[in-house]
Amino acid sequence: MKQVVVLLADWANGIFAVLLASWVTGVDVLWWHFLIGLLLSHVPDIDALPELLRRGRVAASAVHSADHRTFLHYPVFAVGLMALAVWFVGYWGWVLTFAVLLHLINDLYGTGWGLKVLWPLSNRNYKVLGRRVNRLKHILQVDGDWERLSVEERRLRPIISWSADELPQYITRWGVDDWVPYWYYNLNWVSGVEYILFGVACTAAIGTLIW
């Protein structure tokens, strides 16, 4: 039950998607629209279901070095899907569009190993505001790895990337299989941003339904 905290950012995305779609189309929001928005916010993670069902968790680590973020996380593919959705189903297409777009933005700075932003031109994974070892400073310090890192590896960079060849090596060395407590059971800038977004989204949803 504690692992529900990892879903809060996605749920915030679903709520914001409904509000943004309503603003674009002029459709009045009903309470059940938010339930659909919550479901649509998880669409890009459909590719994680096989791993989740098999292992009971989703993680890229030494135990499981493959990252689940495949085709639905490729911006080019996602844009095509969103355009079709808007064309054929209007309002709900807009909800899906915003839900997927916000999900991808979250995956660029959150807990994972970034996205193949330039696919099919490049197979590099990109992430913003991170380290190439992909761990928070306090995790590195607790594990005793901080002092062993080079100055370059310690630095929090605006943009980081990994080639297709080096990503599995980084995941095997630095990935954490039980990553939820590391990132979400204490307050850090990632969990803080996601908790705040969820709070703001819930407040906006309630305000919209009341007024």
Protein backbone atom coordinates (compact mmCIF):
# COMPACT_ATOMS: atom_id res chain seq x y z
CA MET A 1 0.00 0.00 0.00
CA LYS A 2 2.88 2.35 0.72
CA GLN A 3 3.98 2.05 -2.90
CA VAL A 4 0.93 4.04 -3.99
CA VAL A 5 3.11 7.14 -3.56
CA VAL A 6 4.85 6.37 -6.85
CA LEU A 7 1.51 6.81 -8.64
CA LEU A 8 0.75 10.29 -7.32
CA ALA A 9 2.59 12.10 -10.12
CA ASP A 10 0.75 10.08 -12.78
CA TRP A 11 -2.58 10.77 -11.08
CA ALA A 12 -1.74 14.46 -10.98
CA ASN A 13 -1.02 14.25 -14.71
CA GLY A 14 -4.42 12.64 -15.30
CA ILE A 15 -6.22 15.36 -13.35
CA PHE A 16 -4.35 18.15 -15.13
CA ALA A 17 -5.05 16.44 -18.48
CA VAL A 18 -8.80 16.61 -17.87
CA LEU A 19 -8.62 20.27 -16.83
CA LEU A 20 -6.48 21.21 -19.83
CA ALA A 21 -8.72 19.29 -22.25
CA SER A 22 -11.75 21.07 -20.82
CA TRP A 23 -10.02 24.43 -21.30
CA VAL A 24 -9.13 23.63 -24.94
CA THR A 25 -12.50 22.18 -25.96
CA GLY A 26 -14.93 24.02 -23.68
CA VAL A 27 -16.40 20.74 -22.38
CA ASP A 28 -17.70 20.97 -18.81
CA VAL A 29 -15.85 18.67 -16.42
CA LEU A 30 -17.81 15.99 -14.57
CA TRP A 31 -16.43 14.08 -11.59
CA TRP A 32 -16.08 10.81 -13.48
CA HIS A 33 -13.90 12.51 -16.12
CA PHE A 34 -11.13 12.54 -13.53
CA LEU A 35 -11.39 8.77 -13.09
CA ILE A 36 -10.87 8.31 -16.83
CA GLY A 37 -8.01 10.80 -16.70
CA LEU A 38 -6.30 8.76 -13.96
CA LEU A 39 -6.51 5.64 -16.12
CA LEU A 40 -5.23 7.41 -19.24
CA SER A 41 -2.28 8.83 -17.31
CA HIS A 42 -0.86 5.29 -17.17
CA VAL A 43 -1.13 4.56 -20.90
CA PRO A 44 2.63 4.97 -21.63
CA ASP A 45 3.41 2.40 -18.92
CA ILE A 46 1.47 -0.40 -20.60
CA ASP A 47 4.84 -1.80 -21.65
CA ALA A 48 5.69 -2.30 -17.96
CA LEU A 49 2.82 -4.72 -17.31
CA PRO A 50 4.69 -7.92 -18.29
CA GLU A 51 7.51 -7.12 -15.86
CA LEU A 52 5.08 -6.07 -13.14
CA LEU A 53 3.09 -9.28 -13.46
CA ARG A 54 6.22 -11.44 -13.56
CA ARG A 55 8.28 -9.77 -10.84
CA GLY A 56 5.76 -7.82 -8.81
CA ARG A 57 7.71 -4.60 -9.38
CA VAL A 58 9.11 -2.40 -12.13
CA ALA A 59 12.77 -1.50 -11.84
CA ALA A 60 15.90 -1.24 -13.96
CA SER A 61 18.76 -2.65 -11.89
CA ALA A 62 21.37 -5.37 -11.69
CA VAL A 63 18.49 -7.79 -11.13
CA HIS A 64 16.64 -6.57 -14.22
CA SER A 65 18.77 -4.43 -16.53
CA ALA A 66 16.12 -3.74 -19.19
CA ASP A 67 14.22 -0.45 -18.93
CA HIS A 68 10.51 -0.78 -19.75
CA ARG A 69 10.25 2.62 -21.41
CA THR A 70 9.84 1.54 -25.01
CA PHE A 71 7.70 2.72 -27.93
CA LEU A 72 4.96 4.55 -26.01
CA HIS A 73 7.69 6.62 -24.35
CA TYR A 74 9.19 7.70 -27.68
CA PRO A 75 8.01 11.29 -28.27
CA VAL A 76 7.71 10.84 -32.05
CA PHE A 77 5.48 7.79 -31.63
CA ALA A 78 3.50 9.46 -28.85
CA VAL A 79 2.85 12.58 -30.95
CA GLY A 80 1.43 10.42 -33.75
CA LEU A 81 -0.83 8.59 -31.30
CA MET A 82 -2.03 11.87 -29.79
CA ALA A 83 -2.78 13.41 -33.18
CA LEU A 84 -4.93 10.41 -34.14
CA ALA A 85 -6.72 10.50 -30.79
CA VAL A 86 -7.58 14.20 -31.11
CA TRP A 87 -8.77 13.71 -34.69
CA PHE A 88 -11.06 10.77 -33.93
CA VAL A 89 -12.38 11.30 -30.41
CA GLY A 90 -12.11 15.03 -29.75
CA TYR A 91 -12.31 15.84 -26.05
CA TRP A 92 -11.09 12.43 -24.86
CA GLY A 93 -8.35 12.60 -27.44
CA TRP A 94 -7.21 15.83 -25.84
CA VAL A 95 -7.34 14.21 -22.39
CA LEU A 96 -5.13 11.38 -23.68
CA THR A 97 -2.82 13.87 -25.37
CA PHE A 98 -2.21 15.91 -22.24
CA ALA A 99 -1.98 12.80 -20.04
CA VAL A 100 0.72 11.25 -22.23
CA LEU A 101 2.59 14.52 -22.70
CA LEU A 102 2.68 15.23 -18.96
CA HIS A 103 3.70 11.62 -18.28
CA LEU A 104 6.68 11.97 -20.63
CA ILE A 105 7.70 15.26 -19.02
CA ASN A 106 7.60 13.56 -15.62
CA ASP A 107 9.76 10.71 -16.90
CA LEU A 108 12.37 13.18 -18.07
CA TYR A 109 13.17 14.36 -14.54
CA GLY A 110 11.81 11.64 -12.25
CA THR A 111 13.17 8.38 -10.92
CA GLY A 112 13.93 6.46 -14.10
CA TRP A 113 16.63 6.44 -16.76
CA GLY A 114 15.18 9.07 -19.05
CA LEU A 115 13.69 8.79 -22.53
CA LYS A 116 14.84 8.26 -26.09
CA VAL A 117 13.87 11.83 -26.94
CA LEU A 118 15.45 11.83 -30.41
CA TRP A 119 14.34 8.37 -31.54
CA PRO A 120 14.51 7.23 -34.37
CA LEU A 121 17.43 9.57 -35.11
CA SER A 122 19.24 8.48 -31.95
CA ASN A 123 18.96 5.68 -29.39
CA ARG A 124 20.46 7.75 -26.59
CA ASN A 125 18.46 8.16 -23.40
CA TYR A 126 18.15 11.73 -22.12
CA LYS A 127 17.21 13.04 -18.70
CA VAL A 128 17.15 16.48 -17.11
CA LEU A 129 18.48 17.51 -13.69
CA GLY A 130 20.33 14.32 -12.84
CA ARG A 131 23.59 12.45 -12.51
CA ARG A 132 24.78 9.75 -14.87
CA VAL A 133 24.81 7.33 -11.93
CA ASN A 134 21.12 8.27 -11.60
CA ARG A 135 21.04 8.43 -7.81
CA LEU A 136 20.22 11.19 -5.37
CA LYS A 137 23.11 12.53 -3.30
CA HIS A 138 21.75 11.18 -0.02
CA ILE A 139 21.45 7.67 -1.51
CA LEU A 140 25.06 7.81 -2.65
CA GLN A 141 26.16 9.03 0.77
CA VAL A 142 24.21 6.35 2.66
CA ASP A 143 25.60 3.63 0.40
CA GLY A 144 29.15 4.98 0.78
CA ASP A 145 29.54 5.71 -2.94
CA TRP A 146 29.67 9.50 -2.85
CA GLU A 147 33.35 9.79 -1.90
CA ARG A 148 34.33 7.22 -4.52
CA LEU A 149 32.70 9.11 -7.39
CA SER A 150 34.66 11.45 -9.60
CA VAL A 151 33.80 15.14 -9.48
CA GLU A 152 32.15 14.80 -12.89
CA GLU A 153 29.91 11.96 -11.74
CA ARG A 154 28.88 13.84 -8.59
CA ARG A 155 27.74 16.90 -10.49
CA LEU A 156 23.99 17.45 -10.92
CA ARG A 157 23.66 18.38 -14.59
CA PRO A 158 20.88 20.17 -16.49
CA ILE A 159 20.94 17.43 -19.15
CA ILE A 160 22.49 13.96 -19.01
CA SER A 161 22.45 11.12 -21.51
CA TRP A 162 23.53 7.53 -21.99
CA SER A 163 24.27 5.73 -25.24
CA ALA A 164 22.45 2.47 -26.00
CA ASP A 165 25.68 0.56 -25.24
CA GLU A 166 26.51 2.17 -21.91
CA LEU A 167 22.99 2.41 -20.44
CA PRO A 168 22.77 -1.31 -19.46
CA GLN A 169 26.17 -1.02 -17.78
CA TYR A 170 25.05 1.98 -15.73
CA ILE A 171 21.77 0.27 -14.85
CA THR A 172 23.56 -2.89 -13.73
CA ARG A 173 26.00 -0.93 -11.56
CA TRP A 174 23.78 1.82 -10.21
CA GLY A 175 20.18 0.68 -10.60
CA VAL A 176 18.20 0.00 -7.42
CA ASP A 177 15.67 -2.84 -7.57
CA ASP A 178 13.75 -1.72 -4.47
CA TRP A 179 13.86 1.95 -5.44
CA VAL A 180 10.58 3.17 -3.95
CA PRO A 181 11.84 3.73 -0.35
CA TYR A 182 14.98 5.47 -1.63
CA TRP A 183 13.06 8.05 -3.63
CA TYR A 184 9.69 8.40 -1.90
CA TYR A 185 9.97 7.55 1.81
CA ASN A 186 11.95 10.71 2.46
CA LEU A 187 11.60 14.24 1.18
CA ASN A 188 13.89 15.14 -1.72
CA TRP A 189 13.44 17.44 -4.69
CA VAL A 190 11.87 14.73 -6.88
CA SER A 191 9.38 13.41 -4.32
CA GLY A 192 8.69 16.98 -3.18
CA VAL A 193 7.79 18.13 -6.69
CA GLU A 194 5.53 15.14 -7.25
CA TYR A 195 3.74 15.47 -3.91
CA ILE A 196 3.16 19.18 -4.53
CA LEU A 197 1.85 18.52 -8.05
CA PHE A 198 -0.62 15.98 -6.68
CA GLY A 199 -1.80 18.40 -4.02
CA VAL A 200 -2.25 21.21 -6.54
CA ALA A 201 -4.06 18.89 -8.98
CA CYS A 202 -6.50 17.68 -6.31
CA THR A 203 -7.17 21.24 -5.20
CA ALA A 204 -7.81 22.34 -8.80
CA ALA A 205 -10.11 19.37 -9.41
CA ILE A 206 -12.18 20.05 -6.31
CA GLY A 207 -12.35 23.74 -7.12
CA THR A 208 -13.52 23.00 -10.66
CA LEU A 209 -16.29 20.66 -9.49
CA ILE A 210 -17.50 23.08 -6.81
CA TRP A 211 -17.45 26.24 -8.90
